[in-house]
Protein backbone atom coordinates (compact mmCIF):
# COMPACT_ATOMS: atom_id res chain seq x y z
CA MET A 1 0.58 -64.51 94.36
CA ALA A 2 0.32 -63.69 90.66
CA ASP A 3 0.92 -60.18 89.32
CA TYR A 4 -2.51 -60.08 87.60
CA LYS A 5 -6.18 -60.84 88.17
CA VAL A 6 -8.48 -62.91 86.00
CA LEU A 7 -11.64 -61.04 84.89
CA LYS A 8 -14.89 -63.02 84.74
CA VAL A 9 -18.57 -62.31 84.22
CA ALA A 10 -21.29 -64.35 85.91
CA VAL A 11 -23.80 -65.70 83.39
CA PRO A 12 -26.99 -67.16 84.93
CA TYR A 13 -28.71 -70.16 83.27
CA VAL A 14 -31.29 -72.79 84.14
CA PHE A 15 -30.42 -76.52 84.11
CA GLN A 16 -33.10 -79.08 84.84
CA GLY A 17 -35.21 -76.42 86.50
CA GLU A 18 -32.39 -75.25 88.78
CA GLU A 19 -30.80 -71.80 88.48
CA LYS A 20 -27.03 -71.93 88.09
CA THR A 21 -24.17 -69.58 87.32
CA LYS A 22 -21.43 -70.02 84.78
CA TRP A 23 -18.30 -67.83 85.03
CA VAL A 24 -17.01 -66.67 81.63
CA HIS A 25 -13.36 -65.61 81.38
CA VAL A 26 -13.33 -62.20 79.68
CA GLY A 27 -9.75 -60.99 80.20
CA GLU A 28 -7.12 -59.98 82.74
CA LEU A 29 -6.30 -57.00 84.87
CA ARG A 30 -2.57 -56.37 84.80
CA LYS A 31 -0.15 -53.75 86.16
CA ASN A 32 3.10 -52.35 84.75
CA ASP A 33 5.25 -49.30 85.39
CA ASN A 34 2.58 -47.02 83.89
CA GLY A 35 -0.29 -48.33 86.04
CA PHE A 36 -3.14 -50.81 85.57
CA PHE A 37 -4.49 -52.00 82.17
CA LEU A 38 -7.06 -54.58 80.92
CA THR A 39 -6.65 -57.23 78.31
CA LEU A 40 -9.93 -58.50 76.90
CA GLU A 41 -10.40 -61.75 74.98
CA PRO A 42 -11.00 -60.91 71.29
CA TYR A 43 -14.29 -62.77 71.19
CA ILE A 44 -15.84 -60.90 74.11
CA ASN A 45 -18.73 -58.48 73.33
CA LEU A 46 -19.71 -56.93 76.67
CA ALA A 47 -22.88 -55.55 75.11
CA GLY A 48 -24.04 -59.17 74.61
CA PHE A 49 -24.25 -59.95 78.33
CA ASP A 50 -27.62 -59.74 80.11
CA ARG A 51 -27.55 -56.70 82.34
CA ASP A 52 -31.03 -57.06 83.92
CA GLY A 53 -31.98 -53.58 82.67
CA LYS A 54 -28.89 -51.93 84.11
CA GLN A 55 -26.51 -49.73 82.17
CA LYS A 56 -23.32 -51.58 83.15
CA VAL A 57 -21.88 -55.09 83.03
CA LEU A 58 -20.45 -56.28 86.36
CA VAL A 59 -17.00 -57.84 85.87
CA SER A 60 -15.35 -59.63 88.82
CA ALA A 61 -11.60 -59.94 89.39
CA PHE A 62 -10.12 -63.17 90.87
CA ASP A 63 -6.67 -64.40 91.72
CA PRO A 64 -5.69 -66.87 88.91
CA ASP A 65 -5.14 -69.65 91.46
CA ARG A 66 -8.72 -69.40 92.76
CA GLU A 67 -11.19 -72.01 91.55
CA THR A 68 -14.51 -70.65 90.24
């Protein structure tokens, strides 16, 4: 098992009338001797994600070997 988790955000979209979800890689959750820390991709603007009127963006963490 890897020593980090891949962080992704689910982005809904419609393709040929069918609702689908695209997972966007936004960074990684890592751990060192001082604790946990996040690395975010430099092009990610979390304020740009649709939040459905909520105040927060839901970010999911996956094992890097997991297919999404």
